[in-house]
């Protein structure tokens, strides 16, 4: 746990969208703080603001009001170039539909963030160590089409962790998996919080999945509240 400041801070954040002439409030005065190593579950109905929350935290969208801090760095003031660099170094992403490159092997998919950020030869031992961590070293030379859904999501988690990010953002990471593989993915992400000291922020609409977090919040109609599930 951080002794100085929370790793993530939302301070009175508002985000609006427009549908024709109608103003839609996606986030309404959201103020939250998370610590290093937290596994945060964000619950809420579809359209309630969960994905907007993740997009703002990941620097993919900007709040209309309020402030967002990552490692005590104000995201609002960063340029597009600075936000891109921040995502490459500090943020990992895990998506519902895996988003693996079909023409790359498992190892190459995991290496990709390192190649993009360093434009140089990556450390193969580091990649192989992560593949071993997620139980897929034997699949290093396989292609995504040869994997099960659970295996593809484990590759996605290895890819998200390969650059040792401060936070991992997971949007419905079990939504495309059966219950058995979903549990394995949740256990792996929970373990990664401890082993890598990474903060995981996971959006889900399923209260049983949310139980795997140690911090629980609900975003409904743009408002965030703490809740025990």
Protein backbone atom coordinates (compact mmCIF):
# COMPACT_ATOMS: atom_id res chain seq x y z
CA UNK A 1 0.00 0.00 0.00
CA UNK A 2 1.21 3.48 -0.82
CA UNK A 3 2.40 5.51 2.16
CA UNK A 4 2.31 8.82 0.28
CA UNK A 5 -0.65 9.06 -2.10
CA UNK A 6 -3.23 6.83 -3.78
CA UNK A 7 -2.11 5.45 -7.14
CA UNK A 8 -5.43 6.55 -8.71
CA UNK A 9 -7.54 9.57 -7.80
CA UNK A 10 -10.75 10.84 -9.35
CA UNK A 11 -11.73 14.27 -7.99
CA UNK A 12 -15.30 15.37 -8.77
CA UNK A 13 -15.18 14.08 -12.36
CA UNK A 14 -17.97 14.81 -14.84
CA UNK A 15 -18.25 13.50 -18.40
CA UNK A 16 -21.00 14.42 -20.85
CA UNK A 17 -22.09 13.10 -24.24
CA UNK A 18 -24.64 14.45 -26.65
CA UNK A 19 -27.26 12.43 -28.52
CA UNK A 20 -28.75 14.92 -30.92
CA UNK A 21 -29.86 17.78 -28.71
CA UNK A 22 -29.97 15.60 -25.58
CA UNK A 23 -27.16 15.95 -23.04
CA UNK A 24 -26.24 12.62 -21.42
CA UNK A 25 -24.25 12.59 -18.17
CA UNK A 26 -21.95 9.56 -18.26
CA UNK A 27 -20.05 10.46 -15.07
CA UNK A 28 -21.54 12.74 -12.43
CA UNK A 29 -19.21 14.06 -9.74
CA UNK A 30 -17.20 10.84 -9.36
CA UNK A 31 -14.60 10.99 -6.55
CA UNK A 32 -12.68 7.76 -5.87
CA UNK A 33 -9.22 6.71 -4.68
CA UNK A 34 -7.42 3.39 -5.17
CA UNK A 35 -4.16 2.14 -3.66
CA UNK A 36 -1.29 0.22 -5.19
CA UNK A 37 -2.14 -3.50 -5.39
CA UNK A 38 -5.91 -3.05 -5.09
CA UNK A 39 -8.21 -5.28 -7.15
CA UNK A 40 -11.08 -2.91 -7.81
CA UNK A 41 -14.47 -4.14 -9.06
CA UNK A 42 -16.66 -1.56 -10.78
CA UNK A 43 -20.23 -2.82 -11.01
CA UNK A 44 -23.18 -1.34 -12.82
CA UNK A 45 -25.70 -1.78 -15.63
CA UNK A 46 -24.85 -1.42 -19.30
CA UNK A 47 -24.72 2.28 -20.15
CA UNK A 48 -24.28 3.26 -16.51
CA UNK A 49 -20.79 4.77 -16.93
CA UNK A 50 -18.36 1.88 -16.29
CA UNK A 51 -16.65 1.97 -19.68
CA UNK A 52 -16.50 5.77 -19.64
CA UNK A 53 -14.79 5.55 -16.25
CA UNK A 54 -12.17 3.12 -17.63
CA UNK A 55 -11.65 5.21 -20.77
CA UNK A 56 -11.01 8.35 -18.73
CA UNK A 57 -8.63 6.51 -16.41
CA UNK A 58 -6.78 5.04 -19.41
CA UNK A 59 -6.34 8.45 -21.03
CA UNK A 60 -8.58 7.42 -23.94
CA UNK A 61 -11.14 10.10 -23.09
CA UNK A 62 -11.09 13.39 -21.17
CA UNK A 63 -13.36 14.56 -18.35
CA UNK A 64 -15.38 17.72 -18.94
CA UNK A 65 -14.92 18.70 -15.30
CA UNK A 66 -12.81 17.45 -12.40
CA UNK A 67 -9.33 15.95 -12.17
CA UNK A 68 -7.85 12.48 -12.68
CA UNK A 69 -4.46 11.50 -11.23
CA UNK A 70 -2.31 8.44 -11.90
CA UNK A 71 0.76 8.11 -9.67
CA UNK A 72 0.05 11.68 -8.53
CA UNK A 73 0.31 12.89 -12.13
CA UNK A 74 -2.62 14.96 -13.44
CA UNK A 75 -3.85 13.33 -16.66
CA UNK A 76 -5.99 16.30 -17.73
CA UNK A 77 -2.93 18.39 -18.62
CA UNK A 78 -1.07 15.79 -20.68
CA UNK A 79 -0.67 16.10 -24.45
CA UNK A 80 -1.69 13.28 -26.80
CA UNK A 81 1.99 12.30 -27.09
CA UNK A 82 2.41 12.24 -23.30
CA UNK A 83 -0.77 10.18 -22.87
CA UNK A 84 0.42 7.67 -25.48
CA UNK A 85 3.73 7.32 -23.65
CA UNK A 86 1.90 6.97 -20.33
CA UNK A 87 -0.26 4.13 -21.69
CA UNK A 88 2.79 2.33 -23.06
CA UNK A 89 4.61 2.45 -19.71
CA UNK A 90 1.99 2.62 -16.96
CA UNK A 91 -1.22 1.01 -18.19
CA UNK A 92 -2.15 -2.50 -19.34
CA UNK A 93 -5.46 -3.34 -21.01
CA UNK A 94 -7.51 -6.56 -20.94
CA UNK A 95 -10.62 -6.68 -23.15
CA UNK A 96 -13.66 -8.92 -23.33
CA UNK A 97 -12.80 -10.12 -26.85
CA UNK A 98 -9.05 -10.61 -26.22
CA UNK A 99 -7.85 -8.32 -29.08
CA UNK A 100 -4.92 -10.54 -30.00
CA UNK A 101 -3.17 -10.14 -33.36
CA UNK A 102 -4.20 -13.25 -35.35
CA UNK A 103 -1.06 -13.32 -37.53
CA UNK A 104 1.30 -13.24 -34.53
CA UNK A 105 2.24 -16.17 -32.31
CA UNK A 106 1.46 -16.19 -28.59
CA UNK A 107 5.00 -15.06 -27.80
CA UNK A 108 4.89 -12.30 -30.40
CA UNK A 109 1.55 -11.03 -29.07
CA UNK A 110 3.03 -10.75 -25.57
CA UNK A 111 6.18 -9.07 -26.94
CA UNK A 112 4.22 -6.47 -28.88
CA UNK A 113 3.94 -3.78 -26.15
CA UNK A 114 7.72 -3.96 -25.59
CA UNK A 115 8.44 -3.62 -29.30
CA UNK A 116 6.13 -0.63 -29.58
CA UNK A 117 7.54 1.16 -26.54
CA UNK A 118 11.22 0.42 -27.07
CA UNK A 119 11.57 -0.03 -30.84
CA UNK A 120 14.26 -2.55 -30.05
CA UNK A 121 14.81 -6.25 -29.46
CA UNK A 122 12.80 -7.39 -26.46
CA UNK A 123 13.97 -9.53 -23.56
CA UNK A 124 12.82 -13.04 -24.53
CA UNK A 125 13.44 -14.35 -21.01
CA UNK A 126 11.00 -11.79 -19.62
CA UNK A 127 8.32 -12.81 -22.11
CA UNK A 128 8.90 -16.52 -21.51
CA UNK A 129 8.75 -15.96 -17.76
CA UNK A 130 5.33 -14.33 -18.12
CA UNK A 131 4.07 -17.09 -20.40
CA UNK A 132 5.16 -19.58 -17.76
CA UNK A 133 3.40 -17.45 -15.11
CA UNK A 134 0.08 -17.71 -16.99
CA UNK A 135 0.66 -21.40 -17.76
CA UNK A 136 1.16 -21.05 -21.52
CA UNK A 137 4.88 -21.44 -22.12
CA UNK A 138 4.13 -24.61 -24.08
CA UNK A 139 1.91 -22.51 -26.38
CA UNK A 140 4.53 -19.86 -27.19
CA UNK A 141 4.69 -20.73 -30.90
CA UNK A 142 0.94 -21.23 -31.34
CA UNK A 143 -1.38 -18.75 -33.05
CA UNK A 144 -4.54 -17.31 -31.40
CA UNK A 145 -6.84 -19.39 -33.65
CA UNK A 146 -5.29 -22.53 -32.14
CA UNK A 147 -6.18 -21.51 -28.56
CA UNK A 148 -9.29 -21.82 -26.43
CA UNK A 149 -11.03 -18.68 -25.16
CA UNK A 150 -9.51 -19.09 -21.70
CA UNK A 151 -6.03 -19.48 -23.18
CA UNK A 152 -6.46 -16.37 -25.33
CA UNK A 153 -7.45 -14.33 -22.29
CA UNK A 154 -4.41 -15.60 -20.39
CA UNK A 155 -2.25 -14.43 -23.30
CA UNK A 156 -3.99 -11.05 -23.07
CA UNK A 157 -3.18 -10.84 -19.36
CA UNK A 158 0.47 -11.68 -20.02
CA UNK A 159 0.54 -8.97 -22.69
CA UNK A 160 -1.00 -6.47 -20.26
CA UNK A 161 1.63 -7.26 -17.61
CA UNK A 162 4.74 -7.51 -19.81
CA UNK A 163 5.82 -3.89 -19.34
CA UNK A 164 5.15 -4.02 -15.58
CA UNK A 165 2.38 -1.40 -15.60
CA UNK A 166 1.15 0.47 -12.55
CA UNK A 167 -2.46 -0.38 -13.40
CA UNK A 168 -4.36 -2.90 -15.53
CA UNK A 169 -7.79 -1.94 -16.85
CA UNK A 170 -10.07 -4.89 -17.52
CA UNK A 171 -13.41 -4.32 -19.27
CA UNK A 172 -15.68 -7.38 -18.77
CA UNK A 173 -12.64 -9.72 -18.95
CA UNK A 174 -14.74 -12.86 -18.37
CA UNK A 175 -17.71 -11.82 -20.51
CA UNK A 176 -16.73 -14.10 -23.41
CA UNK A 177 -15.76 -17.13 -21.29
CA UNK A 178 -17.56 -20.02 -19.62
CA UNK A 179 -17.76 -19.95 -15.82
CA UNK A 180 -14.84 -22.33 -15.24
CA UNK A 181 -12.42 -20.35 -17.42
CA UNK A 182 -13.81 -17.08 -16.05
CA UNK A 183 -12.89 -18.13 -12.51
CA UNK A 184 -9.37 -19.05 -13.63
CA UNK A 185 -8.94 -15.59 -15.20
CA UNK A 186 -10.18 -13.83 -12.06
CA UNK A 187 -7.85 -15.87 -9.85
CA UNK A 188 -4.95 -15.04 -12.16
CA UNK A 189 -5.68 -11.30 -12.07
CA UNK A 190 -6.04 -11.39 -8.28
CA UNK A 191 -2.68 -13.18 -8.01
CA UNK A 192 -1.07 -10.60 -10.32
CA UNK A 193 -2.13 -7.80 -7.97
CA UNK A 194 -0.03 -9.40 -5.24
CA UNK A 195 2.87 -10.70 -7.33
CA UNK A 196 3.35 -7.62 -9.53
CA UNK A 197 2.01 -4.97 -7.11
CA UNK A 198 -0.27 -3.93 -9.95
CA UNK A 199 -3.63 -2.24 -9.38
CA UNK A 200 -6.40 -3.94 -11.38
CA UNK A 201 -9.58 -2.00 -12.14
CA UNK A 202 -12.23 -4.33 -13.54
CA UNK A 203 -15.64 -3.39 -14.94
CA UNK A 204 -18.35 -6.04 -14.75
CA UNK A 205 -22.13 -6.32 -14.55
CA UNK A 206 -21.94 -9.62 -12.63
CA UNK A 207 -21.95 -9.42 -8.81
CA UNK A 208 -20.34 -12.88 -8.42
CA UNK A 209 -17.40 -11.77 -10.57
CA UNK A 210 -17.17 -8.52 -8.61
CA UNK A 211 -16.61 -10.55 -5.43
CA UNK A 212 -13.04 -11.24 -6.55
CA UNK A 213 -12.12 -7.60 -5.95
CA UNK A 214 -11.00 -6.30 -2.57
CA UNK A 215 -12.58 -2.90 -3.31
CA UNK A 216 -16.14 -2.69 -4.65
CA UNK A 217 -17.95 0.21 -6.29
CA UNK A 218 -21.07 0.68 -8.34
CA UNK A 219 -21.51 3.23 -11.11
CA UNK A 220 -25.16 3.81 -11.95
CA UNK A 221 -26.48 6.79 -13.90
CA UNK A 222 -22.99 8.25 -13.77
CA UNK A 223 -22.75 8.26 -9.96
CA UNK A 224 -20.23 6.12 -8.06
CA UNK A 225 -20.91 4.61 -4.66
CA UNK A 226 -19.04 2.14 -2.47
CA UNK A 227 -20.93 -1.09 -1.94
CA UNK A 228 -20.58 -4.48 -0.30
CA UNK A 229 -21.73 -7.15 -2.75
